[in-house]
């Protein structure tokens, strides 16, 4: 069991003929992900990866031919919103946008539209997700995690890799790892993923990786305190960040008296979450 992706996932890659799209398609195929097609306007009828994956002109045609239910987006930032709209209009159930630098105004339009549909968006500016031993969608390296019972959710791609590898070194595996991205407006937040892990019978404990900026971690703390029965350990990045300076992600900035690491840590600890001072402490805190 896992959340969001598994061996049954039928994946389309939007922007498959670009350098990033092609490289990561190869990685996903080699991991065992069921990549059923790719989309690049004007290149329909071509094949990539030595004839393994067909290319289509549009998501609508690709979905009709392949039965795809998931899409991953590797297109430049100025085209990302339109790529999300296209996938949603084609009936894709789960859309993962890896692209970084998508304008906030574009994402506001996307959220207003997506929220009216039965479609889930992950990202933008995220590493995607990995269900060890089954499938990976995005750019998380497949070799840094083993199958297990720890659910992982993170705003930071780099921290995700570090913690998954630390868990593996301790012989601890992951059910699914979800990188939600750190942009101010995104498709899936901590609470969304925590709720899925709470319902997943194969996830027994959860690790949560947050960072400064916004209030997502505080909302997660409230959800954990009132709705969750499974133990959660967490780490908050940016504990020494100065106010008013953006750190890494577009959403990682302390401003207007909110978003400080200390406030997030306090809220999580009050919710019963064990908070690590350093990410490598997380496996021991999970027990």
C-alpha atoms as a PDB file:
ATOM      1  CA  UNK A   1       0.000   0.000   0.000  1.00  0.00           C
ATOM      2  CA  UNK A   2       1.137   3.558  -0.643  1.00  0.00           C
ATOM      3  CA  UNK A   3      -0.323   6.977  -1.311  1.00  0.00           C
ATOM      4  CA  UNK A   4      -0.748   8.713  -4.676  1.00  0.00           C
ATOM      5  CA  UNK A   5       1.493   6.468  -6.828  1.00  0.00           C
ATOM      6  CA  UNK A   6       2.204   2.739  -7.110  1.00  0.00           C
ATOM      7  CA  UNK A   7       2.824   0.011  -9.686  1.00  0.00           C
ATOM      8  CA  UNK A   8      -0.586   0.708 -11.235  1.00  0.00           C
ATOM      9  CA  UNK A   9       0.220   4.358 -12.012  1.00  0.00           C
ATOM     10  CA  UNK A  10       0.079   5.121 -15.737  1.00  0.00           C
ATOM     11  CA  UNK A  11       2.325   8.130 -16.256  1.00  0.00           C
ATOM     12  CA  UNK A  12       2.563  10.780 -18.973  1.00  0.00           C
ATOM     13  CA  UNK A  13       5.575  13.102 -19.190  1.00  0.00           C
ATOM     14  CA  UNK A  14       4.796  16.627 -20.441  1.00  0.00           C
ATOM     15  CA  UNK A  15       7.908  18.116 -22.022  1.00  0.00           C
ATOM     16  CA  UNK A  16       9.390  14.672 -22.609  1.00  0.00           C
ATOM     17  CA  UNK A  17      11.691  15.679 -25.489  1.00  0.00           C
ATOM     18  CA  UNK A  18      13.497  18.424 -23.549  1.00  0.00           C
ATOM     19  CA  UNK A  19      16.806  17.671 -21.829  1.00  0.00           C
ATOM     20  CA  UNK A  20      15.330  17.499 -18.331  1.00  0.00           C
ATOM     21  CA  UNK A  21      12.221  15.629 -19.402  1.00  0.00           C
ATOM     22  CA  UNK A  22      14.135  13.010 -21.361  1.00  0.00           C
ATOM     23  CA  UNK A  23      16.778  12.468 -18.680  1.00  0.00           C
ATOM     24  CA  UNK A  24      14.271  11.986 -15.886  1.00  0.00           C
ATOM     25  CA  UNK A  25      11.944   9.877 -18.048  1.00  0.00           C
ATOM     26  CA  UNK A  26      14.837   7.488 -18.494  1.00  0.00           C
ATOM     27  CA  UNK A  27      15.412   7.437 -14.724  1.00  0.00           C
ATOM     28  CA  UNK A  28      11.730   6.800 -14.025  1.00  0.00           C
ATOM     29  CA  UNK A  29      11.513   3.998 -16.608  1.00  0.00           C
ATOM     30  CA  UNK A  30      14.650   2.366 -15.244  1.00  0.00           C
ATOM     31  CA  UNK A  31      13.165   2.475 -11.752  1.00  0.00           C
ATOM     32  CA  UNK A  32      10.130   0.566 -12.980  1.00  0.00           C
ATOM     33  CA  UNK A  33       7.581   3.365 -13.267  1.00  0.00           C
ATOM     34  CA  UNK A  34       4.937   2.641 -15.902  1.00  0.00           C
ATOM     35  CA  UNK A  35       5.602   5.567 -18.266  1.00  0.00           C
ATOM     36  CA  UNK A  36       2.969   5.134 -20.980  1.00  0.00           C
ATOM     37  CA  UNK A  37       3.708   8.213 -23.083  1.00  0.00           C
ATOM     38  CA  UNK A  38       5.006  11.732 -23.395  1.00  0.00           C
ATOM     39  CA  UNK A  39       3.714  15.026 -24.755  1.00  0.00           C
ATOM     40  CA  UNK A  40       5.524  17.623 -26.860  1.00  0.00           C
ATOM     41  CA  UNK A  41       3.402  19.739 -29.238  1.00  0.00           C
ATOM     42  CA  UNK A  42       4.549  19.249 -32.823  1.00  0.00           C
ATOM     43  CA  UNK A  43       6.414  16.002 -32.126  1.00  0.00           C
ATOM     44  CA  UNK A  44       3.499  13.603 -32.053  1.00  0.00           C
ATOM     45  CA  UNK A  45       4.288  10.270 -33.702  1.00  0.00           C
ATOM     46  CA  UNK A  46       7.892  10.201 -32.531  1.00  0.00           C
ATOM     47  CA  UNK A  47       9.285   7.716 -30.007  1.00  0.00           C
ATOM     48  CA  UNK A  48      11.955   8.215 -27.341  1.00  0.00           C
ATOM     49  CA  UNK A  49      14.240   5.946 -25.325  1.00  0.00           C
ATOM     50  CA  UNK A  50      14.893   3.576 -28.229  1.00  0.00           C
ATOM     51  CA  UNK A  51      11.234   3.148 -29.092  1.00  0.00           C
ATOM     52  CA  UNK A  52      10.047   2.504 -25.528  1.00  0.00           C
ATOM     53  CA  UNK A  53       7.861   5.605 -25.068  1.00  0.00           C
ATOM     54  CA  UNK A  54       5.546   7.190 -27.678  1.00  0.00           C
ATOM     55  CA  UNK A  55       5.241  10.976 -28.010  1.00  0.00           C
ATOM     56  CA  UNK A  56       1.912  12.744 -28.576  1.00  0.00           C
ATOM     57  CA  UNK A  57       0.962  16.284 -29.598  1.00  0.00           C
ATOM     58  CA  UNK A  58      -1.478  16.822 -26.738  1.00  0.00           C
ATOM     59  CA  UNK A  59      -2.360  15.423 -23.330  1.00  0.00           C
ATOM     60  CA  UNK A  60      -5.944  14.759 -24.491  1.00  0.00           C
ATOM     61  CA  UNK A  61      -4.805  12.481 -27.309  1.00  0.00           C
ATOM     62  CA  UNK A  62      -2.167  10.830 -25.120  1.00  0.00           C
ATOM     63  CA  UNK A  63      -4.663  10.120 -22.330  1.00  0.00           C
ATOM     64  CA  UNK A  64      -7.221   8.688 -24.740  1.00  0.00           C
ATOM     65  CA  UNK A  65      -4.670   6.357 -26.346  1.00  0.00           C
ATOM     66  CA  UNK A  66      -2.739   5.253 -23.249  1.00  0.00           C
ATOM     67  CA  UNK A  67      -5.253   5.455 -20.404  1.00  0.00           C
ATOM     68  CA  UNK A  68      -2.845   7.640 -18.421  1.00  0.00           C
ATOM     69  CA  UNK A  69      -4.036   8.746 -14.974  1.00  0.00           C
ATOM     70  CA  UNK A  70      -0.982  10.750 -13.848  1.00  0.00           C
ATOM     71  CA  UNK A  71       1.153  13.436 -15.481  1.00  0.00           C
ATOM     72  CA  UNK A  72       4.534  14.921 -14.609  1.00  0.00           C
ATOM     73  CA  UNK A  73       5.490  18.319 -16.021  1.00  0.00           C
ATOM     74  CA  UNK A  74       8.991  19.280 -17.193  1.00  0.00           C
ATOM     75  CA  UNK A  75       8.300  22.434 -19.192  1.00  0.00           C
ATOM     76  CA  UNK A  76       9.723  25.980 -18.834  1.00  0.00           C
ATOM     77  CA  UNK A  77       8.091  28.188 -16.193  1.00  0.00           C
ATOM     78  CA  UNK A  78       6.261  30.374 -18.715  1.00  0.00           C
ATOM     79  CA  UNK A  79       4.431  27.320 -20.098  1.00  0.00           C
ATOM     80  CA  UNK A  80       3.820  25.471 -16.823  1.00  0.00           C
ATOM     81  CA  UNK A  81       0.375  26.886 -16.017  1.00  0.00           C
ATOM     82  CA  UNK A  82      -0.912  26.044 -19.484  1.00  0.00           C
ATOM     83  CA  UNK A  83       0.527  22.527 -19.154  1.00  0.00           C
ATOM     84  CA  UNK A  84      -1.367  22.059 -15.878  1.00  0.00           C
ATOM     85  CA  UNK A  85      -4.580  23.370 -17.440  1.00  0.00           C
ATOM     86  CA  UNK A  86      -4.139  21.015 -20.396  1.00  0.00           C
ATOM     87  CA  UNK A  87      -3.649  17.973 -18.172  1.00  0.00           C
ATOM     88  CA  UNK A  88      -6.627  18.881 -15.987  1.00  0.00           C
ATOM     89  CA  UNK A  89      -8.871  19.406 -19.018  1.00  0.00           C
ATOM     90  CA  UNK A  90      -7.817  15.994 -20.343  1.00  0.00           C
ATOM     91  CA  UNK A  91      -9.089  14.340 -17.163  1.00  0.00           C
ATOM     92  CA  UNK A  92      -5.720  13.496 -15.618  1.00  0.00           C
ATOM     93  CA  UNK A  93      -6.390  12.653 -11.958  1.00  0.00           C
ATOM     94  CA  UNK A  94      -2.974  13.503 -10.523  1.00  0.00           C
ATOM     95  CA  UNK A  95      -0.629  16.190 -11.897  1.00  0.00           C
ATOM     96  CA  UNK A  96       2.943  16.661 -10.649  1.00  0.00           C
ATOM     97  CA  UNK A  97       4.685  19.907 -11.649  1.00  0.00           C
ATOM     98  CA  UNK A  98       8.458  19.840 -11.207  1.00  0.00           C
ATOM     99  CA  UNK A  99       9.039  23.233 -12.867  1.00  0.00           C
ATOM    100  CA  UNK A 100      10.454  25.995 -10.673  1.00  0.00           C
ATOM    101  CA  UNK A 101       9.972  29.735 -11.114  1.00  0.00           C
ATOM    102  CA  UNK A 102       6.279  29.566 -11.997  1.00  0.00           C
ATOM    103  CA  UNK A 103       4.832  33.063 -11.351  1.00  0.00           C
ATOM    104  CA  UNK A 104       2.581  33.331  -8.298  1.00  0.00           C
ATOM    105  CA  UNK A 105      -0.161  34.976 -10.396  1.00  0.00           C
ATOM    106  CA  UNK A 106      -0.132  31.951 -12.709  1.00  0.00           C
ATOM    107  CA  UNK A 107      -0.456  29.587  -9.756  1.00  0.00           C
ATOM    108  CA  UNK A 108      -3.350  31.586  -8.351  1.00  0.00           C
ATOM    109  CA  UNK A 109      -5.200  31.038 -11.627  1.00  0.00           C
ATOM    110  CA  UNK A 110      -4.293  27.364 -11.580  1.00  0.00           C
ATOM    111  CA  UNK A 111      -5.535  26.849  -8.010  1.00  0.00           C
ATOM    112  CA  UNK A 112      -8.809  28.632  -8.728  1.00  0.00           C
ATOM    113  CA  UNK A 113      -9.384  26.258 -11.646  1.00  0.00           C
ATOM    114  CA  UNK A 114      -8.043  23.009 -10.149  1.00  0.00           C
ATOM    115  CA  UNK A 115     -10.104  23.454  -6.984  1.00  0.00           C
ATOM    116  CA  UNK A 116     -13.272  23.079  -9.049  1.00  0.00           C
ATOM    117  CA  UNK A 117     -12.183  19.700 -10.453  1.00  0.00           C
ATOM    118  CA  UNK A 118     -11.582  16.193  -9.176  1.00  0.00           C
ATOM    119  CA  UNK A 119      -7.867  16.586  -9.889  1.00  0.00           C
ATOM    120  CA  UNK A 120      -4.914  16.746  -7.481  1.00  0.00           C
ATOM    121  CA  UNK A 121      -1.853  18.899  -8.200  1.00  0.00           C
ATOM    122  CA  UNK A 122       1.532  18.411  -6.535  1.00  0.00           C
ATOM    123  CA  UNK A 123       3.966  21.324  -6.842  1.00  0.00           C
ATOM    124  CA  UNK A 124       5.147  23.365  -8.646  1.00  0.00           C
ATOM    125  CA  UNK A 125       8.841  23.631  -7.769  1.00  0.00           C
ATOM    126  CA  UNK A 126       8.877  20.213  -6.134  1.00  0.00           C
ATOM    127  CA  UNK A 127      10.946  17.020  -6.519  1.00  0.00           C
ATOM    128  CA  UNK A 128       7.855  14.871  -6.995  1.00  0.00           C
ATOM    129  CA  UNK A 129       7.314  11.664  -5.079  1.00  0.00           C
ATOM    130  CA  UNK A 130       8.666   8.161  -4.590  1.00  0.00           C
ATOM    131  CA  UNK A 131       7.041   4.928  -3.480  1.00  0.00           C
ATOM    132  CA  UNK A 132      10.124   2.738  -2.934  1.00  0.00           C
ATOM    133  CA  UNK A 133      10.098  -0.496  -4.893  1.00  0.00           C
ATOM    134  CA  UNK A 134       7.043   0.533  -6.917  1.00  0.00           C
ATOM    135  CA  UNK A 135       7.258   3.865  -8.736  1.00  0.00           C
ATOM    136  CA  UNK A 136       8.839   7.275  -8.811  1.00  0.00           C
ATOM    137  CA  UNK A 137       7.384  10.385 -10.407  1.00  0.00           C
ATOM    138  CA  UNK A 138       9.776  13.316 -10.603  1.00  0.00           C
ATOM    139  CA  UNK A 139      13.433  13.690  -9.703  1.00  0.00           C
ATOM    140  CA  UNK A 140      13.893  11.980  -6.308  1.00  0.00           C
ATOM    141  CA  UNK A 141      16.764   9.468  -6.719  1.00  0.00           C
ATOM    142  CA  UNK A 142      15.368   5.957  -6.477  1.00  0.00           C
ATOM    143  CA  UNK A 143      18.393   4.441  -4.759  1.00  0.00           C
ATOM    144  CA  UNK A 144      18.248   6.536  -1.574  1.00  0.00           C
ATOM    145  CA  UNK A 145      15.201   4.836  -0.053  1.00  0.00           C
ATOM    146  CA  UNK A 146      13.988   1.328   0.673  1.00  0.00           C
ATOM    147  CA  UNK A 147      10.388   0.110   1.130  1.00  0.00           C
ATOM    148  CA  UNK A 148       9.058   0.467   4.647  1.00  0.00           C
ATOM    149  CA  UNK A 149       6.450   1.988   6.949  1.00  0.00           C
ATOM    150  CA  UNK A 150       7.614   5.611   7.294  1.00  0.00           C
ATOM    151  CA  UNK A 151       5.676   8.254   5.376  1.00  0.00           C
ATOM    152  CA  UNK A 152       7.730  11.335   4.477  1.00  0.00           C
ATOM    153  CA  UNK A 153       6.476  14.773   3.459  1.00  0.00           C
ATOM    154  CA  UNK A 154       8.748  17.737   2.774  1.00  0.00           C
ATOM    155  CA  UNK A 155       8.909  21.296   1.481  1.00  0.00           C
ATOM    156  CA  UNK A 156      12.614  20.894   0.659  1.00  0.00           C
ATOM    157  CA  UNK A 157      13.948  18.600  -2.055  1.00  0.00           C
ATOM    158  CA  UNK A 158      17.518  18.440  -0.751  1.00  0.00           C
ATOM    159  CA  UNK A 159      16.384  17.721   2.809  1.00  0.00           C
ATOM    160  CA  UNK A 160      14.123  14.991   1.478  1.00  0.00           C
ATOM    161  CA  UNK A 161      17.091  13.180  -0.038  1.00  0.00           C
ATOM    162  CA  UNK A 162      19.183  13.577   3.109  1.00  0.00           C
ATOM    163  CA  UNK A 163      16.509  12.202   5.420  1.00  0.00           C
ATOM    164  CA  UNK A 164      15.516   9.310   3.142  1.00  0.00           C
ATOM    165  CA  UNK A 165      19.158   8.252   2.989  1.00  0.00           C
ATOM    166  CA  UNK A 166      19.525   8.618   6.767  1.00  0.00           C
ATOM    167  CA  UNK A 167      16.493   6.365   7.238  1.00  0.00           C
ATOM    168  CA  UNK A 168      17.937   3.816   4.813  1.00  0.00           C
ATOM    169  CA  UNK A 169      21.256   3.789   6.692  1.00  0.00           C
ATOM    170  CA  UNK A 170      19.320   2.819   9.827  1.00  0.00           C
ATOM    171  CA  UNK A 171      17.452   0.086   7.965  1.00  0.00           C
ATOM    172  CA  UNK A 172      14.229   2.107   7.977  1.00  0.00           C
ATOM    173  CA  UNK A 173      12.144   2.276   4.814  1.00  0.00           C
ATOM    174  CA  UNK A 174       9.514   4.617   3.426  1.00  0.00           C
ATOM    175  CA  UNK A 175       5.938   3.874   2.358  1.00  0.00           C
ATOM    176  CA  UNK A 176       5.822   6.972   0.148  1.00  0.00           C
ATOM    177  CA  UNK A 177       7.873  10.175   0.135  1.00  0.00           C
ATOM    178  CA  UNK A 178       6.097  13.323  -1.074  1.00  0.00           C
ATOM    179  CA  UNK A 179       7.878  16.572  -1.920  1.00  0.00           C
ATOM    180  CA  UNK A 180       5.243  19.311  -1.818  1.00  0.00           C
ATOM    181  CA  UNK A 181       7.573  22.161  -2.853  1.00  0.00           C
ATOM    182  CA  UNK A 182       8.199  25.467  -1.157  1.00  0.00           C
ATOM    183  CA  UNK A 183       6.364  27.993  -3.321  1.00  0.00           C
ATOM    184  CA  UNK A 184       3.796  30.305  -1.678  1.00  0.00           C
ATOM    185  CA  UNK A 185       0.949  28.915  -3.808  1.00  0.00           C
ATOM    186  CA  UNK A 186       0.984  25.203  -4.515  1.00  0.00           C
ATOM    187  CA  UNK A 187      -1.395  22.359  -5.131  1.00  0.00           C
ATOM    188  CA  UNK A 188      -0.916  20.047  -2.140  1.00  0.00           C
ATOM    189  CA  UNK A 189       0.065  21.001   1.408  1.00  0.00           C
ATOM    190  CA  UNK A 190       1.227  19.259   4.576  1.00  0.00           C
ATOM    191  CA  UNK A 191      -2.291  18.672   5.882  1.00  0.00           C
ATOM    192  CA  UNK A 192      -3.363  17.021   2.615  1.00  0.00           C
ATOM    193  CA  UNK A 193      -0.487  14.539   2.766  1.00  0.00           C
ATOM    194  CA  UNK A 194      -0.719  13.932   6.515  1.00  0.00           C
ATOM    195  CA  UNK A 195      -4.390  13.031   6.087  1.00  0.00           C
ATOM    196  CA  UNK A 196      -3.486  10.483   3.411  1.00  0.00           C
ATOM    197  CA  UNK A 197      -0.765   8.960   5.586  1.00  0.00           C
ATOM    198  CA  UNK A 198      -3.182   8.745   8.523  1.00  0.00           C
ATOM    199  CA  UNK A 199      -5.531   6.676   6.333  1.00  0.00           C
ATOM    200  CA  UNK A 200      -2.789   4.494   4.796  1.00  0.00           C
ATOM    201  CA  UNK A 201      -2.576   1.117   6.610  1.00  0.00           C
ATOM    202  CA  UNK A 202       1.047   0.609   5.528  1.00  0.00           C
ATOM    203  CA  UNK A 203       2.254   3.898   7.039  1.00  0.00           C
ATOM    204  CA  UNK A 204       2.900   3.586  10.774  1.00  0.00           C
ATOM    205  CA  UNK A 205       4.876   6.776  11.433  1.00  0.00           C
ATOM    206  CA  UNK A 206       5.581  10.031   9.631  1.00  0.00           C
ATOM    207  CA  UNK A 207       8.525  12.365   9.151  1.00  0.00           C
ATOM    208  CA  UNK A 208       7.748  15.967   8.206  1.00  0.00           C
ATOM    209  CA  UNK A 209      10.330  18.412   6.830  1.00  0.00           C
ATOM    210  CA  UNK A 210       9.343  22.064   6.986  1.00  0.00           C
ATOM    211  CA  UNK A 211      11.056  25.403   6.635  1.00  0.00           C
ATOM    212  CA  UNK A 212      10.614  29.064   7.458  1.00  0.00           C
ATOM    213  CA  UNK A 213       7.900  31.140   5.801  1.00  0.00           C
ATOM    214  CA  UNK A 214       4.134  30.893   5.652  1.00  0.00           C
ATOM    215  CA  UNK A 215       1.919  29.059   8.124  1.00  0.00           C
ATOM    216  CA  UNK A 216       1.681  25.563   6.623  1.00  0.00           C
ATOM    217  CA  UNK A 217       3.611  23.981   9.492  1.00  0.00           C
ATOM    218  CA  UNK A 218       1.371  25.610  12.098  1.00  0.00           C
ATOM    219  CA  UNK A 219      -1.721  24.322  10.271  1.00  0.00           C
ATOM    220  CA  UNK A 220      -0.099  20.886  10.145  1.00  0.00           C
ATOM    221  CA  UNK A 221       0.519  21.053  13.893  1.00  0.00           C
ATOM    222  CA  UNK A 222      -3.161  21.748  14.524  1.00  0.00           C
ATOM    223  CA  UNK A 223      -4.150  18.823  12.277  1.00  0.00           C
ATOM    224  CA  UNK A 224      -1.700  16.493  14.032  1.00  0.00           C
ATOM    225  CA  UNK A 225      -3.002  17.504  17.456  1.00  0.00           C
ATOM    226  CA  UNK A 226      -6.667  17.038  16.607  1.00  0.00           C
ATOM    227  CA  UNK A 227      -6.843  14.387  13.878  1.00  0.00           C
ATOM    228  CA  UNK A 228      -3.794  12.121  13.833  1.00  0.00           C
ATOM    229  CA  UNK A 229      -3.128   8.930  15.767  1.00  0.00           C
ATOM    230  CA  UNK A 230       0.266   8.084  14.232  1.00  0.00           C
ATOM    231  CA  UNK A 231       3.544   9.456  15.637  1.00  0.00           C
ATOM    232  CA  UNK A 232       5.204  12.329  13.774  1.00  0.00           C
ATOM    233  CA  UNK A 233       8.799  13.575  13.915  1.00  0.00           C
ATOM    234  CA  UNK A 234       9.811  16.831  12.239  1.00  0.00           C
ATOM    235  CA  UNK A 235      12.639  19.148  11.304  1.00  0.00           C
ATOM    236  CA  UNK A 236      12.328  22.847  10.446  1.00  0.00           C
ATOM    237  CA  UNK A 237      15.000  24.299   8.159  1.00  0.00           C
ATOM    238  CA  UNK A 238      16.154  27.922   8.317  1.00  0.00           C
ATOM    239  CA  UNK A 239      16.359  28.282  12.074  1.00  0.00           C
ATOM    240  CA  UNK A 240      19.063  30.964  11.803  1.00  0.00           C
ATOM    241  CA  UNK A 241      17.556  32.844   8.846  1.00  0.00           C
ATOM    242  CA  UNK A 242      17.317  36.653   9.270  1.00  0.00           C
ATOM    243  CA  UNK A 243      13.871  38.304   8.884  1.00  0.00           C
ATOM    244  CA  UNK A 244      13.072  39.672   5.422  1.00  0.00           C
ATOM    245  CA  UNK A 245      15.605  37.546   3.540  1.00  0.00           C
ATOM    246  CA  UNK A 246      14.353  34.813   1.244  1.00  0.00           C
ATOM    247  CA  UNK A 247      16.129  31.507   1.828  1.00  0.00           C
ATOM    248  CA  UNK A 248      15.984  29.029  -1.038  1.00  0.00           C
ATOM    249  CA  UNK A 249      12.317  28.709  -1.943  1.00  0.00           C
ATOM    250  CA  UNK A 250      10.082  31.594  -2.890  1.00  0.00           C
ATOM    251  CA  UNK A 251       7.965  30.834   0.155  1.00  0.00           C
ATOM    252  CA  UNK A 252      10.885  30.651   2.581  1.00  0.00           C
ATOM    253  CA  UNK A 253      10.883  34.155   3.997  1.00  0.00           C
ATOM    254  CA  UNK A 254      10.035  35.530   7.432  1.00  0.00           C
ATOM    255  CA  UNK A 255       7.853  38.587   7.101  1.00  0.00           C
ATOM    256  CA  UNK A 256       5.046  40.485   8.848  1.00  0.00           C
ATOM    257  CA  UNK A 257       5.880  38.795  12.125  1.00  0.00           C
ATOM    258  CA  UNK A 258       5.137  35.291  10.874  1.00  0.00           C
ATOM    259  CA  UNK A 259       6.994  32.336   9.430  1.00  0.00           C
ATOM    260  CA  UNK A 260       9.819  32.101  11.977  1.00  0.00           C
ATOM    261  CA  UNK A 261      11.266  28.665  12.714  1.00  0.00           C
ATOM    262  CA  UNK A 262      10.799  29.105  16.481  1.00  0.00           C
ATOM    263  CA  UNK A 263       7.041  29.608  16.056  1.00  0.00           C
ATOM    264  CA  UNK A 264       6.740  26.494  13.914  1.00  0.00           C
ATOM    265  CA  UNK A 265       8.807  24.387  16.303  1.00  0.00           C
ATOM    266  CA  UNK A 266       6.723  25.572  19.261  1.00  0.00           C
ATOM    267  CA  UNK A 267       3.453  24.737  17.503  1.00  0.00           C
ATOM    268  CA  UNK A 268       4.675  21.280  16.504  1.00  0.00           C
ATOM    269  CA  UNK A 269       6.036  20.430  19.948  1.00  0.00           C
ATOM    270  CA  UNK A 270       2.777  21.517  21.556  1.00  0.00           C
ATOM    271  CA  UNK A 271       1.026  19.094  19.176  1.00  0.00           C
ATOM    272  CA  UNK A 272       3.163  16.229  20.468  1.00  0.00           C
ATOM    273  CA  UNK A 273       5.596  16.163  17.534  1.00  0.00           C
ATOM    274  CA  UNK A 274       9.214  15.301  18.302  1.00  0.00           C
ATOM    275  CA  UNK A 275      11.280  18.023  16.587  1.00  0.00           C
ATOM    276  CA  UNK A 276      14.890  17.365  15.621  1.00  0.00           C
ATOM    277  CA  UNK A 277      17.641  19.949  15.984  1.00  0.00           C
ATOM    278  CA  UNK A 278      19.425  18.390  12.992  1.00  0.00           C
ATOM    279  CA  UNK A 279      17.896  16.289  10.167  1.00  0.00           C
ATOM    280  CA  UNK A 280      20.118  13.278  10.882  1.00  0.00           C
ATOM    281  CA  UNK A 281      18.419  12.942  14.284  1.00  0.00           C
ATOM    282  CA  UNK A 282      15.054  12.074  12.717  1.00  0.00           C
ATOM    283  CA  UNK A 283      15.496   8.281  12.401  1.00  0.00           C
ATOM    284  CA  UNK A 284      16.239   8.016  16.135  1.00  0.00           C
ATOM    285  CA  UNK A 285      13.283  10.241  17.028  1.00  0.00           C
ATOM    286  CA  UNK A 286      10.995   7.950  15.015  1.00  0.00           C
ATOM    287  CA  UNK A 287      12.241   4.975  17.013  1.00  0.00           C
END
